[in-house]
Amino acid sequence: MSRPVSEEKRKALMEAAIDLFSTQGFHATPTQQISDRAGVSAGTLFRYFRTKEDLIDSLYSSIHRALADVVDEAIRPGTPVEEQILNVKRQVLHWMFENPKQTLFFEQFTSSPNITQKAKEMISVHLSALDELYQRAVSRGILTGVNREVFLANFWYPNFMLIHLHLFGRLQGDVEETIEQAVASMWSGMAQRQ
């Protein structure tokens, strides 16, 4: 008879994996090290996750859902599209500064050549609200001449650099000031100039 799974152990394994993956990377982190960090026996990890890849997908799914929730909550229907995009960027950056290890994991995973099909499907579904904002901005002539990939690159990738600088103690100014500068910089680089 197998032992019941514990949500507490599952959470400890996921937190240990985030800590290790965000500093060492996926390939340099053996499952034994994750189990040791979580304070569980070596085989326990495989009672919760069939494989290391399953653990990685579960972490990504959890972080992706959290970011999708931030995006969804930041959209304020009835306000101009430009303000909605700026608010989404602002709230995403707040979440990233509050969750730097999850942010670094998200960056590593989305840039990985080993991303699973399950994760690829998740990307297109969970952040569709951001795509819809982009499409509305294009249809209203606000982001004319900016393709989707350029929009997404400008929206996401500078954020990762800011989190790295923050973790290294090299960020000039306070977090709020940095967030506002990042939002303004993104917009001035993409918005249609009249």
N, C-alpha and C. Protein backbone atom coordinates (compact mmCIF):
# COMPACT_ATOMS: atom_id res chain seq x y z
N MET A 1 0.85 -1.18 0.00
CA MET A 1 0.00 0.00 0.00
C MET A 1 0.89 1.25 0.00
N SER A 2 0.63 2.17 -0.91
CA SER A 2 1.46 3.37 -0.97
C SER A 2 0.99 4.41 0.04
N ARG A 3 1.94 5.19 0.48
CA ARG A 3 1.63 6.25 1.44
C ARG A 3 0.89 7.39 0.73
N PRO A 4 0.02 8.09 1.48
CA PRO A 4 -0.67 9.22 0.86
C PRO A 4 0.32 10.36 0.57
N VAL A 5 0.05 11.06 -0.50
CA VAL A 5 0.92 12.19 -0.83
C VAL A 5 0.57 13.37 0.07
N SER A 6 1.58 14.15 0.37
CA SER A 6 1.41 15.30 1.25
C SER A 6 1.63 16.57 0.45
N GLU A 7 0.67 17.48 0.54
CA GLU A 7 0.81 18.76 -0.16
C GLU A 7 2.02 19.52 0.38
N GLU A 8 2.30 19.33 1.65
CA GLU A 8 3.45 19.99 2.28
C GLU A 8 4.77 19.52 1.65
N LYS A 9 4.90 18.21 1.42
CA LYS A 9 6.12 17.67 0.80
C LYS A 9 6.22 18.11 -0.66
N ARG A 10 5.10 18.10 -1.34
CA ARG A 10 5.10 18.53 -2.74
C ARG A 10 5.57 19.98 -2.84
N LYS A 11 5.05 20.82 -1.96
CA LYS A 11 5.44 22.23 -1.94
C LYS A 11 6.93 22.37 -1.61
N ALA A 12 7.42 21.60 -0.64
CA ALA A 12 8.84 21.66 -0.27
C ALA A 12 9.72 21.25 -1.45
N LEU A 13 9.31 20.23 -2.18
CA LEU A 13 10.07 19.80 -3.36
C LEU A 13 10.08 20.89 -4.43
N MET A 14 8.94 21.51 -4.66
CA MET A 14 8.87 22.57 -5.68
C MET A 14 9.71 23.78 -5.26
N GLU A 15 9.67 24.16 -4.00
CA GLU A 15 10.48 25.29 -3.53
C GLU A 15 11.97 24.99 -3.62
N ALA A 16 12.35 23.76 -3.25
CA ALA A 16 13.76 23.37 -3.35
C ALA A 16 14.22 23.39 -4.81
N ALA A 17 13.37 22.89 -5.69
CA ALA A 17 13.71 22.86 -7.11
C ALA A 17 13.87 24.28 -7.66
N ILE A 18 12.96 25.18 -7.30
CA ILE A 18 13.07 26.58 -7.75
C ILE A 18 14.38 27.18 -7.27
N ASP A 19 14.71 26.99 -5.99
CA ASP A 19 15.96 27.53 -5.44
C ASP A 19 17.16 27.03 -6.24
N LEU A 20 17.20 25.75 -6.48
CA LEU A 20 18.36 25.15 -7.15
C LEU A 20 18.39 25.44 -8.65
N PHE A 21 17.25 25.31 -9.31
CA PHE A 21 17.22 25.57 -10.75
C PHE A 21 17.56 27.02 -11.06
N SER A 22 17.09 27.94 -10.22
CA SER A 22 17.32 29.36 -10.50
C SER A 22 18.79 29.76 -10.32
N THR A 23 19.54 28.98 -9.55
CA THR A 23 20.95 29.31 -9.35
C THR A 23 21.90 28.39 -10.11
N GLN A 24 21.51 27.14 -10.33
CA GLN A 24 22.40 26.16 -10.96
C GLN A 24 21.97 25.76 -12.37
N GLY A 25 20.72 25.99 -12.69
CA GLY A 25 20.19 25.52 -13.97
C GLY A 25 19.60 24.12 -13.82
N PHE A 26 18.88 23.69 -14.85
CA PHE A 26 18.19 22.40 -14.81
C PHE A 26 19.16 21.22 -14.83
N HIS A 27 20.07 21.26 -15.79
CA HIS A 27 20.94 20.11 -16.02
C HIS A 27 21.96 19.91 -14.92
N ALA A 28 22.35 20.97 -14.25
CA ALA A 28 23.36 20.87 -13.19
C ALA A 28 22.73 20.54 -11.83
N THR A 29 21.43 20.34 -11.80
CA THR A 29 20.74 20.05 -10.54
C THR A 29 20.21 18.62 -10.55
N PRO A 30 20.87 17.72 -9.83
CA PRO A 30 20.36 16.34 -9.76
C PRO A 30 19.14 16.25 -8.83
N THR A 31 18.29 15.27 -9.09
CA THR A 31 17.09 15.10 -8.27
C THR A 31 17.45 14.81 -6.81
N GLN A 32 18.56 14.15 -6.56
CA GLN A 32 18.99 13.87 -5.19
C GLN A 32 19.20 15.18 -4.42
N GLN A 33 19.79 16.16 -5.09
CA GLN A 33 20.03 17.45 -4.45
C GLN A 33 18.71 18.15 -4.12
N ILE A 34 17.74 18.03 -5.00
CA ILE A 34 16.42 18.61 -4.75
C ILE A 34 15.79 17.95 -3.54
N SER A 35 15.85 16.61 -3.49
CA SER A 35 15.29 15.87 -2.35
C SER A 35 15.98 16.26 -1.05
N ASP A 36 17.31 16.35 -1.09
CA ASP A 36 18.07 16.75 0.11
C ASP A 36 17.65 18.14 0.58
N ARG A 37 17.55 19.08 -0.34
CA ARG A 37 17.17 20.45 0.01
C ARG A 37 15.76 20.49 0.61
N ALA A 38 14.87 19.64 0.09
CA ALA A 38 13.48 19.59 0.57
C ALA A 38 13.35 18.82 1.87
N GLY A 39 14.41 18.12 2.26
CA GLY A 39 14.37 17.34 3.50
C GLY A 39 13.56 16.05 3.40
N VAL A 40 13.58 15.45 2.20
CA VAL A 40 12.86 14.20 2.00
C VAL A 40 13.82 13.15 1.45
N SER A 41 13.41 11.90 1.51
CA SER A 41 14.27 10.84 0.99
C SER A 41 14.33 10.90 -0.54
N ALA A 42 15.35 10.27 -1.11
CA ALA A 42 15.62 10.35 -2.54
C ALA A 42 14.43 9.92 -3.40
N GLY A 43 13.76 8.86 -3.03
CA GLY A 43 12.66 8.35 -3.84
C GLY A 43 11.37 9.13 -3.71
N THR A 44 11.28 9.96 -2.70
CA THR A 44 10.04 10.70 -2.46
C THR A 44 9.68 11.61 -3.62
N LEU A 45 10.67 12.23 -4.22
CA LEU A 45 10.41 13.14 -5.33
C LEU A 45 9.59 12.43 -6.41
N PHE A 46 9.91 11.16 -6.68
CA PHE A 46 9.25 10.44 -7.77
C PHE A 46 7.86 9.94 -7.40
N ARG A 47 7.46 10.09 -6.15
CA ARG A 47 6.07 9.82 -5.76
C ARG A 47 5.19 11.01 -6.15
N TYR A 48 5.80 12.18 -6.27
CA TYR A 48 5.06 13.40 -6.60
C TYR A 48 5.20 13.80 -8.06
N PHE A 49 6.34 13.47 -8.65
CA PHE A 49 6.62 13.82 -10.05
C PHE A 49 7.25 12.60 -10.70
N ARG A 50 6.67 12.15 -11.82
CA ARG A 50 7.17 10.93 -12.46
C ARG A 50 8.63 11.03 -12.88
N THR A 51 9.01 12.23 -13.37
CA THR A 51 10.37 12.46 -13.85
C THR A 51 10.80 13.87 -13.45
N LYS A 52 12.06 14.15 -13.64
CA LYS A 52 12.56 15.51 -13.41
C LYS A 52 11.86 16.48 -14.36
N GLU A 53 11.62 16.04 -15.60
CA GLU A 53 10.93 16.88 -16.57
C GLU A 53 9.50 17.18 -16.12
N ASP A 54 8.86 16.22 -15.48
CA ASP A 54 7.51 16.42 -14.96
C ASP A 54 7.53 17.48 -13.84
N LEU A 55 8.54 17.45 -13.01
CA LEU A 55 8.72 18.46 -11.97
C LEU A 55 8.92 19.84 -12.61
N ILE A 56 9.77 19.90 -13.62
CA ILE A 56 10.05 21.17 -14.31
C ILE A 56 8.76 21.70 -14.95
N ASP A 57 8.00 20.83 -15.61
CA ASP A 57 6.74 21.25 -16.22
C ASP A 57 5.75 21.74 -15.16
N SER A 58 5.70 21.07 -14.03
CA SER A 58 4.79 21.48 -12.95
C SER A 58 5.17 22.86 -12.40
N LEU A 59 6.47 23.08 -12.23
CA LEU A 59 6.93 24.40 -11.77
C LEU A 59 6.57 25.47 -12.80
N TYR A 60 6.85 25.18 -14.05
CA TYR A 60 6.56 26.15 -15.10
C TYR A 60 5.06 26.44 -15.15
N SER A 61 4.25 25.42 -15.06
CA SER A 61 2.81 25.60 -15.09
C SER A 61 2.35 26.49 -13.94
N SER A 62 2.88 26.26 -12.77
CA SER A 62 2.52 27.05 -11.59
C SER A 62 2.91 28.52 -11.77
N ILE A 63 4.12 28.76 -12.24
CA ILE A 63 4.61 30.13 -12.43
C ILE A 63 3.86 30.80 -13.57
N HIS A 64 3.63 30.05 -14.63
CA HIS A 64 2.92 30.59 -15.78
C HIS A 64 1.50 31.01 -15.39
N ARG A 65 0.83 30.17 -14.59
CA ARG A 65 -0.52 30.52 -14.12
C ARG A 65 -0.48 31.78 -13.26
N ALA A 66 0.52 31.88 -12.39
CA ALA A 66 0.63 33.07 -11.53
C ALA A 66 0.81 34.33 -12.38
N LEU A 67 1.67 34.26 -13.39
CA LEU A 67 1.88 35.42 -14.27
C LEU A 67 0.62 35.72 -15.09
N ALA A 68 -0.05 34.69 -15.56
CA ALA A 68 -1.29 34.90 -16.31
C ALA A 68 -2.33 35.58 -15.43
N ASP A 69 -2.40 35.20 -14.16
CA ASP A 69 -3.32 35.84 -13.23
C ASP A 69 -2.97 37.32 -13.04
N VAL A 70 -1.67 37.61 -12.94
CA VAL A 70 -1.23 39.00 -12.81
C VAL A 70 -1.66 39.80 -14.04
N VAL A 71 -1.45 39.24 -15.22
CA VAL A 71 -1.84 39.91 -16.46
C VAL A 71 -3.35 40.14 -16.47
N ASP A 72 -4.12 39.10 -16.18
CA ASP A 72 -5.58 39.22 -16.20
C ASP A 72 -6.08 40.26 -15.21
N GLU A 73 -5.51 40.28 -14.01
CA GLU A 73 -5.94 41.22 -12.98
C GLU A 73 -5.54 42.66 -13.30
N ALA A 74 -4.48 42.83 -14.07
CA ALA A 74 -3.99 44.18 -14.38
C ALA A 74 -4.77 44.84 -15.51
N ILE A 75 -5.50 44.05 -16.27
CA ILE A 75 -6.29 44.61 -17.37
C ILE A 75 -7.54 45.25 -16.78
N ARG A 76 -7.73 46.50 -17.13
CA ARG A 76 -8.88 47.25 -16.61
C ARG A 76 -9.78 47.64 -17.77
N PRO A 77 -10.81 46.83 -18.01
CA PRO A 77 -11.73 47.16 -19.11
C PRO A 77 -12.29 48.57 -18.93
N GLY A 78 -12.47 49.23 -20.03
CA GLY A 78 -13.00 50.58 -19.98
C GLY A 78 -11.93 51.65 -19.98
N THR A 79 -10.68 51.26 -19.76
CA THR A 79 -9.58 52.22 -19.83
C THR A 79 -8.91 52.09 -21.21
N PRO A 80 -8.26 53.12 -21.67
CA PRO A 80 -7.60 53.03 -22.98
C PRO A 80 -6.59 51.88 -23.04
N VAL A 81 -6.46 51.30 -24.21
CA VAL A 81 -5.57 50.15 -24.42
C VAL A 81 -4.15 50.47 -23.97
N GLU A 82 -3.67 51.66 -24.29
CA GLU A 82 -2.31 52.06 -23.89
C GLU A 82 -2.15 51.94 -22.38
N GLU A 83 -3.10 52.47 -21.62
CA GLU A 83 -3.03 52.40 -20.16
C GLU A 83 -3.07 50.96 -19.67
N GLN A 84 -3.86 50.12 -20.34
CA GLN A 84 -3.93 48.72 -19.95
C GLN A 84 -2.59 48.02 -20.15
N ILE A 85 -1.96 48.26 -21.30
CA ILE A 85 -0.65 47.64 -21.56
C ILE A 85 0.38 48.12 -20.54
N LEU A 86 0.38 49.41 -20.26
CA LEU A 86 1.33 49.95 -19.28
C LEU A 86 1.08 49.38 -17.89
N ASN A 87 -0.18 49.23 -17.52
CA ASN A 87 -0.49 48.68 -16.20
C ASN A 87 -0.10 47.20 -16.12
N VAL A 88 -0.32 46.46 -17.19
CA VAL A 88 0.08 45.04 -17.20
C VAL A 88 1.59 44.94 -17.02
N LYS A 89 2.34 45.71 -17.77
CA LYS A 89 3.81 45.70 -17.65
C LYS A 89 4.22 46.04 -16.21
N ARG A 90 3.60 47.07 -15.65
CA ARG A 90 3.91 47.52 -14.28
C ARG A 90 3.63 46.39 -13.27
N GLN A 91 2.48 45.74 -13.38
CA GLN A 91 2.11 44.70 -12.42
C GLN A 91 2.96 43.44 -12.59
N VAL A 92 3.30 43.11 -13.83
CA VAL A 92 4.20 41.97 -14.07
C VAL A 92 5.56 42.24 -13.42
N LEU A 93 6.07 43.44 -13.59
CA LEU A 93 7.36 43.78 -12.96
C LEU A 93 7.27 43.72 -11.44
N HIS A 94 6.19 44.20 -10.86
CA HIS A 94 6.01 44.09 -9.41
C HIS A 94 6.10 42.62 -8.99
N TRP A 95 5.37 41.74 -9.71
CA TRP A 95 5.39 40.31 -9.38
C TRP A 95 6.80 39.75 -9.50
N MET A 96 7.51 40.13 -10.54
CA MET A 96 8.86 39.62 -10.76
C MET A 96 9.83 40.06 -9.66
N PHE A 97 9.74 41.31 -9.25
CA PHE A 97 10.60 41.77 -8.16
C PHE A 97 10.25 41.08 -6.84
N GLU A 98 9.00 40.73 -6.65
CA GLU A 98 8.58 40.02 -5.44
C GLU A 98 8.91 38.53 -5.50
N ASN A 99 9.11 38.00 -6.70
CA ASN A 99 9.36 36.56 -6.91
C ASN A 99 10.56 36.35 -7.83
N PRO A 100 11.74 36.80 -7.41
CA PRO A 100 12.88 36.75 -8.33
C PRO A 100 13.32 35.33 -8.73
N LYS A 101 13.25 34.37 -7.81
CA LYS A 101 13.67 33.01 -8.18
C LYS A 101 12.71 32.40 -9.20
N GLN A 102 11.42 32.64 -9.02
CA GLN A 102 10.45 32.14 -9.99
C GLN A 102 10.66 32.82 -11.34
N THR A 103 11.01 34.10 -11.30
CA THR A 103 11.27 34.83 -12.54
C THR A 103 12.46 34.25 -13.28
N LEU A 104 13.53 33.96 -12.55
CA LEU A 104 14.72 33.38 -13.20
C LEU A 104 14.42 32.00 -13.76
N PHE A 105 13.62 31.23 -13.04
CA PHE A 105 13.21 29.92 -13.55
C PHE A 105 12.40 30.10 -14.84
N PHE A 106 11.45 31.02 -14.82
CA PHE A 106 10.62 31.29 -15.99
C PHE A 106 11.48 31.69 -17.19
N GLU A 107 12.46 32.54 -16.94
CA GLU A 107 13.37 32.96 -18.01
C GLU A 107 14.14 31.77 -18.57
N GLN A 108 14.71 30.95 -17.68
CA GLN A 108 15.48 29.78 -18.13
C GLN A 108 14.61 28.84 -18.95
N PHE A 109 13.43 28.57 -18.43
CA PHE A 109 12.57 27.58 -19.07
C PHE A 109 12.08 28.05 -20.43
N THR A 110 11.65 29.31 -20.53
CA THR A 110 11.12 29.79 -21.81
C THR A 110 12.23 29.91 -22.86
N SER A 111 13.48 29.99 -22.41
CA SER A 111 14.62 30.08 -23.33
C SER A 111 15.25 28.72 -23.62
N SER A 112 14.77 27.69 -22.98
CA SER A 112 15.38 26.36 -23.09
C SER A 112 15.02 25.68 -24.41
N PRO A 113 16.00 25.03 -25.03
CA PRO A 113 15.70 24.26 -26.24
C PRO A 113 14.95 22.96 -25.89
N ASN A 114 14.91 22.62 -24.61
CA ASN A 114 14.26 21.39 -24.18
C ASN A 114 12.83 21.59 -23.68
N ILE A 115 12.23 22.71 -24.01
CA ILE A 115 10.86 22.99 -23.57
C ILE A 115 9.92 21.92 -24.13
N THR A 116 9.06 21.40 -23.29
CA THR A 116 8.18 20.30 -23.70
C THR A 116 6.99 20.82 -24.50
N GLN A 117 6.36 19.92 -25.24
CA GLN A 117 5.18 20.27 -26.01
C GLN A 117 4.08 20.78 -25.08
N LYS A 118 3.94 20.15 -23.93
CA LYS A 118 2.92 20.56 -22.95
C LYS A 118 3.15 22.02 -22.55
N ALA A 119 4.38 22.41 -22.31
CA ALA A 119 4.69 23.79 -21.92
C ALA A 119 4.44 24.75 -23.07
N LYS A 120 4.79 24.34 -24.30
CA LYS A 120 4.55 25.20 -25.46
C LYS A 120 3.06 25.51 -25.60
N GLU A 121 2.24 24.51 -25.37
CA GLU A 121 0.79 24.71 -25.46
C GLU A 121 0.31 25.66 -24.36
N MET A 122 0.90 25.53 -23.19
CA MET A 122 0.54 26.38 -22.06
C MET A 122 0.81 27.85 -22.36
N ILE A 123 1.94 28.12 -23.00
CA ILE A 123 2.34 29.49 -23.31
C ILE A 123 1.26 30.19 -24.13
N SER A 124 0.77 29.50 -25.15
CA SER A 124 -0.19 30.15 -26.03
C SER A 124 -1.56 30.33 -25.37
N VAL A 125 -1.90 29.50 -24.41
CA VAL A 125 -3.21 29.58 -23.77
C VAL A 125 -3.23 30.59 -22.63
N HIS A 126 -2.29 30.51 -21.72
CA HIS A 126 -2.36 31.30 -20.49
C HIS A 126 -2.12 32.79 -20.65
N LEU A 127 -1.40 33.21 -21.64
CA LEU A 127 -1.13 34.64 -21.77
C LEU A 127 -1.87 35.25 -22.96
N SER A 128 -3.00 34.67 -23.30
CA SER A 128 -3.77 35.17 -24.43
C SER A 128 -4.30 36.58 -24.19
N ALA A 129 -4.51 36.98 -22.94
CA ALA A 129 -5.00 38.33 -22.65
C ALA A 129 -3.99 39.38 -23.11
N LEU A 130 -2.71 39.09 -22.97
CA LEU A 130 -1.68 40.01 -23.44
C LEU A 130 -1.69 40.10 -24.97
N ASP A 131 -1.89 38.96 -25.62
CA ASP A 131 -2.02 38.95 -27.08
C ASP A 131 -3.23 39.77 -27.53
N GLU A 132 -4.32 39.64 -26.81
CA GLU A 132 -5.53 40.40 -27.16
C GLU A 132 -5.28 41.90 -27.02
N LEU A 133 -4.57 42.31 -25.97
CA LEU A 133 -4.23 43.73 -25.81
C LEU A 133 -3.38 44.21 -26.99
N TYR A 134 -2.40 43.39 -27.37
CA TYR A 134 -1.55 43.73 -28.51
C TYR A 134 -2.41 43.92 -29.77
N GLN A 135 -3.29 42.97 -30.02
CA GLN A 135 -4.13 43.04 -31.22
C GLN A 135 -5.01 44.28 -31.22
N ARG A 136 -5.57 44.64 -30.06
CA ARG A 136 -6.39 45.86 -29.97
C ARG A 136 -5.55 47.11 -30.23
N ALA A 137 -4.33 47.12 -29.70
CA ALA A 137 -3.44 48.27 -29.91
C ALA A 137 -3.09 48.42 -31.39
N VAL A 138 -2.86 47.30 -32.06
CA VAL A 138 -2.55 47.35 -33.49
C VAL A 138 -3.77 47.82 -34.27
N SER A 139 -4.94 47.26 -33.96
CA SER A 139 -6.15 47.62 -34.70
C SER A 139 -6.53 49.08 -34.52
N ARG A 140 -6.11 49.69 -33.42
CA ARG A 140 -6.41 51.11 -33.18
C ARG A 140 -5.28 52.03 -33.63
N GLY A 141 -4.27 51.45 -34.28
CA GLY A 141 -3.18 52.26 -34.81
C GLY A 141 -2.16 52.70 -33.78
N ILE A 142 -2.20 52.11 -32.60
CA ILE A 142 -1.29 52.51 -31.52
C ILE A 142 0.08 51.84 -31.67
N LEU A 143 0.09 50.60 -32.10
CA LEU A 143 1.35 49.86 -32.29
C LEU A 143 1.55 49.50 -33.77
N THR A 144 1.28 50.41 -34.63
CA THR A 144 1.45 50.18 -36.06
C THR A 144 2.92 49.91 -36.37
N GLY A 145 3.15 48.86 -37.14
CA GLY A 145 4.51 48.54 -37.55
C GLY A 145 5.31 47.77 -36.53
N VAL A 146 4.70 47.35 -35.43
CA VAL A 146 5.38 46.55 -34.40
C VAL A 146 4.75 45.16 -34.43
N ASN A 147 5.54 44.17 -34.88
CA ASN A 147 4.95 42.83 -34.93
C ASN A 147 4.88 42.21 -33.53
N ARG A 148 4.10 41.16 -33.43
CA ARG A 148 3.82 40.51 -32.14
C ARG A 148 5.10 40.10 -31.41
N GLU A 149 6.05 39.52 -32.14
CA GLU A 149 7.27 39.04 -31.51
C GLU A 149 8.09 40.18 -30.92
N VAL A 150 8.15 41.30 -31.63
CA VAL A 150 8.87 42.48 -31.13
C VAL A 150 8.16 43.02 -29.88
N PHE A 151 6.84 43.08 -29.93
CA PHE A 151 6.07 43.51 -28.76
C PHE A 151 6.38 42.62 -27.55
N LEU A 152 6.28 41.30 -27.74
CA LEU A 152 6.52 40.38 -26.63
C LEU A 152 7.95 40.44 -26.12
N ALA A 153 8.92 40.57 -27.03
CA ALA A 153 10.32 40.68 -26.61
C ALA A 153 10.53 41.94 -25.77
N ASN A 154 9.96 43.06 -26.21
CA ASN A 154 10.09 44.30 -25.45
C ASN A 154 9.33 44.25 -24.14
N PHE A 155 8.24 43.51 -24.13
CA PHE A 155 7.44 43.40 -22.91
C PHE A 155 8.16 42.56 -21.86
N TRP A 156 8.73 41.39 -22.27
CA TRP A 156 9.27 40.43 -21.30
C TRP A 156 10.76 40.55 -21.03
N TYR A 157 11.60 40.56 -22.03
CA TYR A 157 13.03 40.33 -21.81
C TYR A 157 13.78 41.40 -21.04
N PRO A 158 13.47 42.68 -21.19
CA PRO A 158 14.16 43.65 -20.32
C PRO A 158 13.87 43.40 -18.83
N ASN A 159 12.71 42.85 -18.54
CA ASN A 159 12.35 42.54 -17.14
C ASN A 159 13.36 41.58 -16.52
N PHE A 160 13.77 40.58 -17.28
CA PHE A 160 14.70 39.59 -16.75
C PHE A 160 16.04 40.22 -16.40
N MET A 161 16.50 41.11 -17.25
CA MET A 161 17.76 41.81 -16.98
C MET A 161 17.65 42.61 -15.69
N LEU A 162 16.53 43.29 -15.50
CA LEU A 162 16.34 44.07 -14.27
C LEU A 162 16.34 43.18 -13.03
N ILE A 163 15.76 42.01 -13.13
CA ILE A 163 15.75 41.08 -11.98
C ILE A 163 17.17 40.59 -11.70
N HIS A 164 17.92 40.29 -12.74
CA HIS A 164 19.33 39.89 -12.53
C HIS A 164 20.10 41.01 -11.83
N LEU A 165 19.97 42.24 -12.31
CA LEU A 165 20.67 43.37 -11.68
C LEU A 165 20.23 43.54 -10.23
N HIS A 166 18.96 43.37 -9.98
CA HIS A 166 18.42 43.48 -8.62
C HIS A 166 19.05 42.41 -7.71
N LEU A 167 19.10 41.19 -8.18
CA LEU A 167 19.67 40.10 -7.36
C LEU A 167 21.17 40.27 -7.13
N PHE A 168 21.85 40.89 -8.08
CA PHE A 168 23.29 41.14 -7.93
C PHE A 168 23.58 42.41 -7.15
N GLY A 169 22.52 43.12 -6.72
CA GLY A 169 22.71 44.37 -5.98
C GLY A 169 23.23 45.50 -6.84
N ARG A 170 22.98 45.43 -8.14
CA ARG A 170 23.53 46.42 -9.07
C ARG A 170 22.46 47.33 -9.65
N LEU A 171 21.27 47.31 -9.09
CA LEU A 171 20.18 48.12 -9.59
C LEU A 171 20.31 49.54 -9.05
N GLN A 172 20.34 50.50 -9.95
CA GLN A 172 20.42 51.91 -9.55
C GLN A 172 19.01 52.40 -9.24
N GLY A 173 18.83 53.05 -8.11
CA GLY A 173 17.51 53.55 -7.75
C GLY A 173 16.68 52.49 -7.06
N ASP A 174 15.52 52.92 -6.60
CA ASP A 174 14.65 51.96 -5.91
C ASP A 174 13.78 51.20 -6.92
N VAL A 175 13.12 50.18 -6.44
CA VAL A 175 12.35 49.29 -7.31
C VAL A 175 11.21 50.04 -7.99
N GLU A 176 10.46 50.85 -7.25
CA GLU A 176 9.34 51.58 -7.84
C GLU A 176 9.79 52.49 -8.98
N GLU A 177 10.86 53.21 -8.74
CA GLU A 177 11.41 54.10 -9.77
C GLU A 177 11.86 53.30 -10.99
N THR A 178 12.50 52.17 -10.74
CA THR A 178 12.96 51.31 -11.83
C THR A 178 11.79 50.78 -12.64
N ILE A 179 10.73 50.36 -11.96
CA ILE A 179 9.54 49.85 -12.66
C ILE A 179 8.95 50.93 -13.55
N GLU A 180 8.80 52.13 -13.03
CA GLU A 180 8.22 53.21 -13.83
C GLU A 180 9.10 53.55 -15.03
N GLN A 181 10.42 53.55 -14.85
CA GLN A 181 11.32 53.81 -15.97
C GLN A 181 11.23 52.70 -17.02
N ALA A 182 11.11 51.45 -16.57
CA ALA A 182 11.01 50.32 -17.50
C ALA A 182 9.72 50.39 -18.31
N VAL A 183 8.63 50.76 -17.64
CA VAL A 183 7.34 50.88 -18.33
C VAL A 183 7.42 51.99 -19.38
N ALA A 184 7.94 53.14 -18.99
CA ALA A 184 8.05 54.27 -19.92
C ALA A 184 8.98 53.94 -21.08
N SER A 185 10.07 53.27 -20.80
CA SER A 185 11.04 52.91 -21.83
C SER A 185 10.44 51.95 -22.85
N MET A 186 9.71 50.94 -22.36
CA MET A 186 9.07 50.00 -23.26
C MET A 186 8.11 50.74 -24.19
N TRP A 187 7.30 51.59 -23.61
CA TRP A 187 6.28 52.27 -24.41
C TRP A 187 6.90 53.24 -25.41
N SER A 188 7.88 54.00 -24.98
CA SER A 188 8.48 54.98 -25.90
C SER A 188 9.20 54.27 -27.06
N GLY A 189 9.64 53.06 -26.83
CA GLY A 189 10.31 52.31 -27.88
C GLY A 189 9.37 51.66 -28.89
N MET A 190 8.06 51.55 -28.52
CA MET A 190 7.13 50.84 -29.40
C MET A 190 5.98 51.67 -29.92
N ALA A 191 5.52 52.62 -29.17
CA ALA A 191 4.30 53.34 -29.55
C ALA A 191 4.49 54.12 -30.85
N GLN A 192 3.43 54.16 -31.61
CA GLN A 192 3.44 54.91 -32.87
C GLN A 192 3.60 56.39 -32.58
N ARG A 193 4.59 56.99 -33.22
CA ARG A 193 4.82 58.44 -33.03
C ARG A 193 4.02 59.18 -34.09
N GLN A 194 3.27 60.16 -33.64
CA GLN A 194 2.43 60.95 -34.55
C GLN A 194 3.17 62.16 -35.05
